[in-house]
N, C-alpha and C. Protein backbone atom coordinates (compact mmCIF):
# COMPACT_ATOMS: atom_id res chain seq x y z
N MET A 1 -0.68 47.16 44.75
CA MET A 1 -1.34 46.23 45.62
C MET A 1 -1.69 44.98 44.81
N THR A 2 -1.37 43.83 45.33
CA THR A 2 -1.67 42.56 44.69
C THR A 2 -3.06 42.11 45.09
N ARG A 3 -3.84 41.71 44.12
CA ARG A 3 -5.19 41.24 44.39
C ARG A 3 -5.15 39.74 44.69
N VAL A 4 -5.70 39.37 45.82
CA VAL A 4 -5.78 37.97 46.20
C VAL A 4 -7.04 37.39 45.58
N THR A 5 -6.89 36.30 44.85
CA THR A 5 -8.02 35.69 44.17
C THR A 5 -8.39 34.39 44.85
N ASN A 6 -9.65 34.24 45.11
CA ASN A 6 -10.19 32.99 45.65
C ASN A 6 -10.14 31.96 44.53
N PRO A 7 -9.44 30.85 44.73
CA PRO A 7 -9.32 29.85 43.65
C PRO A 7 -10.67 29.30 43.19
N ALA A 8 -11.60 29.11 44.12
CA ALA A 8 -12.92 28.59 43.74
C ALA A 8 -13.66 29.62 42.89
N ALA A 9 -13.56 30.88 43.24
CA ALA A 9 -14.21 31.94 42.46
C ALA A 9 -13.58 32.05 41.08
N ALA A 10 -12.27 31.93 41.01
CA ALA A 10 -11.58 32.01 39.72
C ALA A 10 -12.00 30.84 38.83
N ARG A 11 -12.06 29.65 39.40
CA ARG A 11 -12.48 28.48 38.61
C ARG A 11 -13.91 28.62 38.13
N PHE A 12 -14.78 29.14 38.98
CA PHE A 12 -16.18 29.38 38.62
C PHE A 12 -16.26 30.36 37.45
N ARG A 13 -15.58 31.49 37.55
CA ARG A 13 -15.59 32.48 36.47
C ARG A 13 -15.02 31.92 35.17
N GLU A 14 -13.94 31.15 35.28
CA GLU A 14 -13.33 30.56 34.08
C GLU A 14 -14.27 29.56 33.41
N ALA A 15 -14.93 28.73 34.21
CA ALA A 15 -15.87 27.75 33.65
C ALA A 15 -17.01 28.47 32.93
N ALA A 16 -17.54 29.52 33.57
CA ALA A 16 -18.62 30.29 32.95
C ALA A 16 -18.14 30.96 31.67
N GLY A 17 -16.95 31.52 31.69
CA GLY A 17 -16.40 32.17 30.51
C GLY A 17 -16.22 31.21 29.35
N ARG A 18 -15.73 30.01 29.64
CA ARG A 18 -15.55 29.00 28.57
C ARG A 18 -16.89 28.64 27.95
N LEU A 19 -17.89 28.39 28.80
CA LEU A 19 -19.20 28.03 28.27
C LEU A 19 -19.79 29.17 27.45
N LEU A 20 -19.74 30.38 27.97
CA LEU A 20 -20.32 31.51 27.25
C LEU A 20 -19.62 31.77 25.93
N THR A 21 -18.31 31.67 25.91
CA THR A 21 -17.57 31.85 24.66
C THR A 21 -18.02 30.84 23.62
N ARG A 22 -18.33 29.65 24.08
CA ARG A 22 -18.74 28.59 23.17
C ARG A 22 -20.15 28.77 22.63
N VAL A 23 -21.08 29.27 23.45
CA VAL A 23 -22.50 29.25 23.05
C VAL A 23 -23.10 30.61 22.71
N GLU A 24 -22.44 31.70 23.05
CA GLU A 24 -23.08 33.01 22.92
C GLU A 24 -23.42 33.41 21.49
N HIS A 25 -22.82 32.78 20.51
CA HIS A 25 -23.08 33.13 19.10
C HIS A 25 -24.00 32.13 18.40
N TRP A 26 -24.52 31.16 19.14
CA TRP A 26 -25.33 30.11 18.53
C TRP A 26 -26.63 30.64 17.94
N SER A 27 -27.02 30.05 16.83
CA SER A 27 -28.32 30.32 16.21
C SER A 27 -29.39 29.46 16.89
N GLN A 28 -30.63 29.75 16.57
CA GLN A 28 -31.72 28.94 17.14
C GLN A 28 -31.57 27.47 16.75
N ALA A 29 -31.11 27.21 15.54
CA ALA A 29 -30.93 25.82 15.10
C ALA A 29 -29.92 25.09 15.99
N ARG A 30 -28.86 25.76 16.36
CA ARG A 30 -27.86 25.11 17.23
C ARG A 30 -28.41 24.88 18.63
N TRP A 31 -29.21 25.82 19.12
CA TRP A 31 -29.83 25.63 20.44
C TRP A 31 -30.81 24.46 20.42
N SER A 32 -31.46 24.24 19.28
CA SER A 32 -32.47 23.19 19.17
C SER A 32 -31.89 21.81 18.93
N ALA A 33 -30.60 21.74 18.64
CA ALA A 33 -29.96 20.44 18.38
C ALA A 33 -29.99 19.57 19.64
N PRO A 34 -30.03 18.26 19.46
CA PRO A 34 -30.06 17.36 20.61
C PRO A 34 -28.84 17.53 21.51
N ALA A 35 -29.08 17.45 22.80
CA ALA A 35 -27.99 17.49 23.78
C ALA A 35 -27.29 16.14 23.80
N ARG A 36 -26.10 16.13 24.35
CA ARG A 36 -25.34 14.88 24.50
C ARG A 36 -25.71 14.23 25.83
N ASP A 37 -26.94 13.84 25.96
CA ASP A 37 -27.35 13.07 27.13
C ASP A 37 -28.45 12.11 26.73
N ASP A 38 -28.88 11.31 27.64
CA ASP A 38 -29.87 10.29 27.31
C ASP A 38 -31.27 10.67 27.79
N ARG A 39 -31.52 11.94 27.97
CA ARG A 39 -32.81 12.39 28.48
C ARG A 39 -33.71 12.96 27.39
N GLY A 40 -33.26 12.97 26.16
CA GLY A 40 -34.07 13.50 25.06
C GLY A 40 -34.18 15.01 25.05
N ARG A 41 -33.25 15.68 25.70
CA ARG A 41 -33.29 17.14 25.77
C ARG A 41 -32.48 17.75 24.63
N ASN A 42 -32.77 19.02 24.35
CA ASN A 42 -31.93 19.74 23.40
C ASN A 42 -30.95 20.62 24.19
N ARG A 43 -30.06 21.27 23.46
CA ARG A 43 -29.03 22.08 24.11
C ARG A 43 -29.64 23.20 24.95
N ALA A 44 -30.71 23.81 24.46
CA ALA A 44 -31.35 24.90 25.21
C ALA A 44 -31.92 24.38 26.53
N ASP A 45 -32.48 23.17 26.52
CA ASP A 45 -32.99 22.58 27.76
C ASP A 45 -31.88 22.42 28.79
N VAL A 46 -30.72 21.96 28.34
CA VAL A 46 -29.58 21.75 29.24
C VAL A 46 -29.13 23.07 29.84
N VAL A 47 -29.01 24.10 29.01
CA VAL A 47 -28.52 25.39 29.51
C VAL A 47 -29.56 26.05 30.41
N HIS A 48 -30.83 25.90 30.07
CA HIS A 48 -31.84 26.46 30.97
C HIS A 48 -31.81 25.75 32.32
N ALA A 49 -31.62 24.44 32.32
CA ALA A 49 -31.49 23.70 33.59
C ALA A 49 -30.28 24.21 34.38
N LEU A 50 -29.20 24.55 33.68
CA LEU A 50 -28.03 25.13 34.34
C LEU A 50 -28.39 26.48 34.95
N VAL A 51 -29.09 27.31 34.21
CA VAL A 51 -29.52 28.63 34.73
C VAL A 51 -30.32 28.43 36.02
N GLN A 52 -31.23 27.47 36.00
CA GLN A 52 -32.03 27.20 37.19
C GLN A 52 -31.16 26.73 38.35
N ARG A 53 -30.20 25.87 38.07
CA ARG A 53 -29.32 25.37 39.13
C ARG A 53 -28.48 26.50 39.72
N LEU A 54 -27.97 27.38 38.88
CA LEU A 54 -27.20 28.52 39.38
C LEU A 54 -28.08 29.44 40.22
N ALA A 55 -29.33 29.63 39.80
CA ALA A 55 -30.27 30.44 40.58
C ALA A 55 -30.54 29.79 41.94
N ASP A 56 -30.66 28.46 41.95
CA ASP A 56 -30.88 27.75 43.21
C ASP A 56 -29.68 27.90 44.15
N LEU A 57 -28.48 27.81 43.61
CA LEU A 57 -27.27 27.99 44.42
C LEU A 57 -27.18 29.41 44.95
N SER A 58 -27.56 30.38 44.14
CA SER A 58 -27.57 31.77 44.59
C SER A 58 -28.57 31.96 45.73
N ALA A 59 -29.74 31.35 45.60
CA ALA A 59 -30.74 31.43 46.68
C ALA A 59 -30.19 30.81 47.96
N GLU A 60 -29.51 29.69 47.81
CA GLU A 60 -28.91 29.03 48.98
C GLU A 60 -27.88 29.95 49.63
N ALA A 61 -27.05 30.59 48.81
CA ALA A 61 -26.02 31.49 49.35
C ALA A 61 -26.65 32.67 50.08
N GLU A 62 -27.81 33.10 49.61
CA GLU A 62 -28.49 34.25 50.22
C GLU A 62 -29.44 33.85 51.35
N GLY A 63 -29.59 32.55 51.58
CA GLY A 63 -30.47 32.09 52.63
C GLY A 63 -31.95 32.31 52.34
N ARG A 64 -32.32 32.21 51.07
CA ARG A 64 -33.73 32.39 50.70
C ARG A 64 -34.21 31.17 49.93
N ASP A 65 -35.53 31.07 49.78
CA ASP A 65 -36.11 29.96 49.04
C ASP A 65 -35.82 30.09 47.55
N PRO A 66 -35.55 28.97 46.89
CA PRO A 66 -35.34 29.04 45.43
C PRO A 66 -36.63 29.41 44.70
N GLN A 67 -36.47 30.06 43.59
CA GLN A 67 -37.59 30.47 42.75
C GLN A 67 -37.36 29.95 41.33
N PRO A 68 -38.44 29.60 40.62
CA PRO A 68 -38.25 29.13 39.25
C PRO A 68 -37.78 30.27 38.33
N VAL A 69 -36.86 29.94 37.45
CA VAL A 69 -36.39 30.89 36.44
C VAL A 69 -37.24 30.66 35.19
N PRO A 70 -37.89 31.70 34.69
CA PRO A 70 -38.75 31.49 33.52
C PRO A 70 -37.94 31.07 32.30
N ARG A 71 -38.55 30.21 31.51
CA ARG A 71 -37.97 29.84 30.22
C ARG A 71 -38.47 30.88 29.22
N LEU A 72 -37.57 31.70 28.74
CA LEU A 72 -37.94 32.76 27.81
C LEU A 72 -38.29 32.17 26.45
N PRO A 73 -39.13 32.86 25.68
CA PRO A 73 -39.56 32.30 24.39
C PRO A 73 -38.44 32.21 23.34
N ASN A 74 -37.37 32.96 23.53
CA ASN A 74 -36.28 32.95 22.57
C ASN A 74 -35.03 32.38 23.22
N ASP A 75 -34.57 31.23 22.75
CA ASP A 75 -33.39 30.58 23.32
C ASP A 75 -32.12 31.41 23.15
N LEU A 76 -32.14 32.37 22.24
CA LEU A 76 -30.95 33.21 22.05
C LEU A 76 -30.66 34.05 23.30
N ALA A 77 -31.61 34.14 24.22
CA ALA A 77 -31.42 34.88 25.48
C ALA A 77 -30.71 34.05 26.54
N LEU A 78 -30.52 32.76 26.31
CA LEU A 78 -29.92 31.91 27.33
C LEU A 78 -28.53 32.35 27.78
N PRO A 79 -27.63 32.77 26.88
CA PRO A 79 -26.33 33.25 27.37
C PRO A 79 -26.47 34.43 28.33
N ASP A 80 -27.42 35.32 28.06
CA ASP A 80 -27.62 36.45 28.97
C ASP A 80 -28.16 35.97 30.32
N GLN A 81 -29.03 34.96 30.31
CA GLN A 81 -29.52 34.42 31.57
C GLN A 81 -28.37 33.78 32.36
N VAL A 82 -27.47 33.09 31.66
CA VAL A 82 -26.30 32.53 32.34
C VAL A 82 -25.48 33.65 32.96
N ARG A 83 -25.23 34.71 32.20
CA ARG A 83 -24.45 35.85 32.72
C ARG A 83 -25.07 36.43 33.99
N VAL A 84 -26.38 36.60 33.96
CA VAL A 84 -27.08 37.17 35.12
C VAL A 84 -26.92 36.25 36.33
N MET A 85 -27.09 34.95 36.13
CA MET A 85 -26.98 34.02 37.25
C MET A 85 -25.55 33.93 37.78
N VAL A 86 -24.57 34.01 36.88
CA VAL A 86 -23.17 34.02 37.31
C VAL A 86 -22.91 35.27 38.15
N ALA A 87 -23.38 36.42 37.70
CA ALA A 87 -23.20 37.66 38.46
C ALA A 87 -23.93 37.58 39.80
N ASP A 88 -25.16 37.07 39.80
CA ASP A 88 -25.92 36.95 41.04
C ASP A 88 -25.20 36.08 42.06
N LEU A 89 -24.68 34.96 41.60
CA LEU A 89 -23.99 34.06 42.52
C LEU A 89 -22.73 34.73 43.07
N GLY A 90 -22.04 35.48 42.23
CA GLY A 90 -20.87 36.20 42.70
C GLY A 90 -21.22 37.27 43.72
N LEU A 91 -22.31 37.96 43.50
CA LEU A 91 -22.74 39.02 44.42
C LEU A 91 -23.36 38.47 45.70
N ALA A 92 -23.81 37.23 45.67
CA ALA A 92 -24.47 36.62 46.82
C ALA A 92 -23.48 36.27 47.93
N GLY A 93 -22.21 36.38 47.64
CA GLY A 93 -21.22 36.01 48.64
C GLY A 93 -21.16 34.52 48.88
N ALA A 94 -21.28 33.77 47.80
CA ALA A 94 -21.30 32.30 47.88
C ALA A 94 -20.01 31.78 48.49
N SER A 95 -20.14 30.72 49.25
CA SER A 95 -18.99 30.07 49.86
C SER A 95 -18.14 29.40 48.77
N GLU A 96 -16.91 29.06 49.15
CA GLU A 96 -16.05 28.33 48.21
C GLU A 96 -16.70 27.02 47.79
N GLU A 97 -17.34 26.36 48.73
CA GLU A 97 -18.01 25.10 48.41
C GLU A 97 -19.10 25.29 47.36
N LEU A 98 -19.93 26.33 47.52
CA LEU A 98 -20.97 26.60 46.52
C LEU A 98 -20.38 26.98 45.17
N LEU A 99 -19.30 27.74 45.18
CA LEU A 99 -18.66 28.13 43.93
C LEU A 99 -18.05 26.92 43.22
N ARG A 100 -17.48 26.01 44.00
CA ARG A 100 -16.94 24.78 43.38
C ARG A 100 -18.08 23.95 42.79
N GLU A 101 -19.19 23.87 43.51
CA GLU A 101 -20.34 23.14 43.00
C GLU A 101 -20.87 23.79 41.72
N ALA A 102 -20.95 25.11 41.72
CA ALA A 102 -21.43 25.83 40.53
C ALA A 102 -20.51 25.60 39.34
N ALA A 103 -19.21 25.64 39.57
CA ALA A 103 -18.26 25.39 38.48
C ALA A 103 -18.44 23.97 37.93
N GLY A 104 -18.67 23.02 38.81
CA GLY A 104 -18.93 21.65 38.37
C GLY A 104 -20.21 21.53 37.56
N GLU A 105 -21.24 22.26 37.97
CA GLU A 105 -22.51 22.27 37.22
C GLU A 105 -22.30 22.85 35.82
N ILE A 106 -21.52 23.91 35.74
CA ILE A 106 -21.23 24.54 34.44
C ILE A 106 -20.46 23.57 33.55
N ASP A 107 -19.43 22.94 34.11
CA ASP A 107 -18.64 21.99 33.34
C ASP A 107 -19.50 20.82 32.85
N ALA A 108 -20.38 20.33 33.71
CA ALA A 108 -21.25 19.22 33.33
C ALA A 108 -22.20 19.62 32.20
N ALA A 109 -22.76 20.82 32.30
CA ALA A 109 -23.64 21.30 31.23
C ALA A 109 -22.86 21.48 29.93
N ALA A 110 -21.67 22.02 30.02
CA ALA A 110 -20.84 22.23 28.83
C ALA A 110 -20.55 20.91 28.14
N ALA A 111 -20.39 19.86 28.90
CA ALA A 111 -20.11 18.54 28.30
C ALA A 111 -21.33 17.99 27.56
N ARG A 112 -22.51 18.49 27.88
CA ARG A 112 -23.74 17.98 27.26
C ARG A 112 -24.25 18.83 26.11
N VAL A 113 -23.69 20.01 25.91
CA VAL A 113 -24.18 20.86 24.82
C VAL A 113 -23.23 20.86 23.63
């Protein structure tokens, strides 16, 4: 049996995989380095903002109010938070439009870290 893959879901998973492969081994010093943006944020700030955005999209897909995602005291947990939010969005039955938006958010964050 051939598995039919939703192109938006595949792009979302690929974007998440690229980002995670890049950042999952980072030390605290790398997380604390300045982000490539003009907001004065560090890399951890950018990825936490991504985690929050993915959580918001998941809430939208589930038809519930968004909730704040706590900023954990150790930035080394950020890749795991991304993984959880990626899984949540996949399980939420997100539309292709939401998945395309999520992939764009991931790509944008990746460009800033």
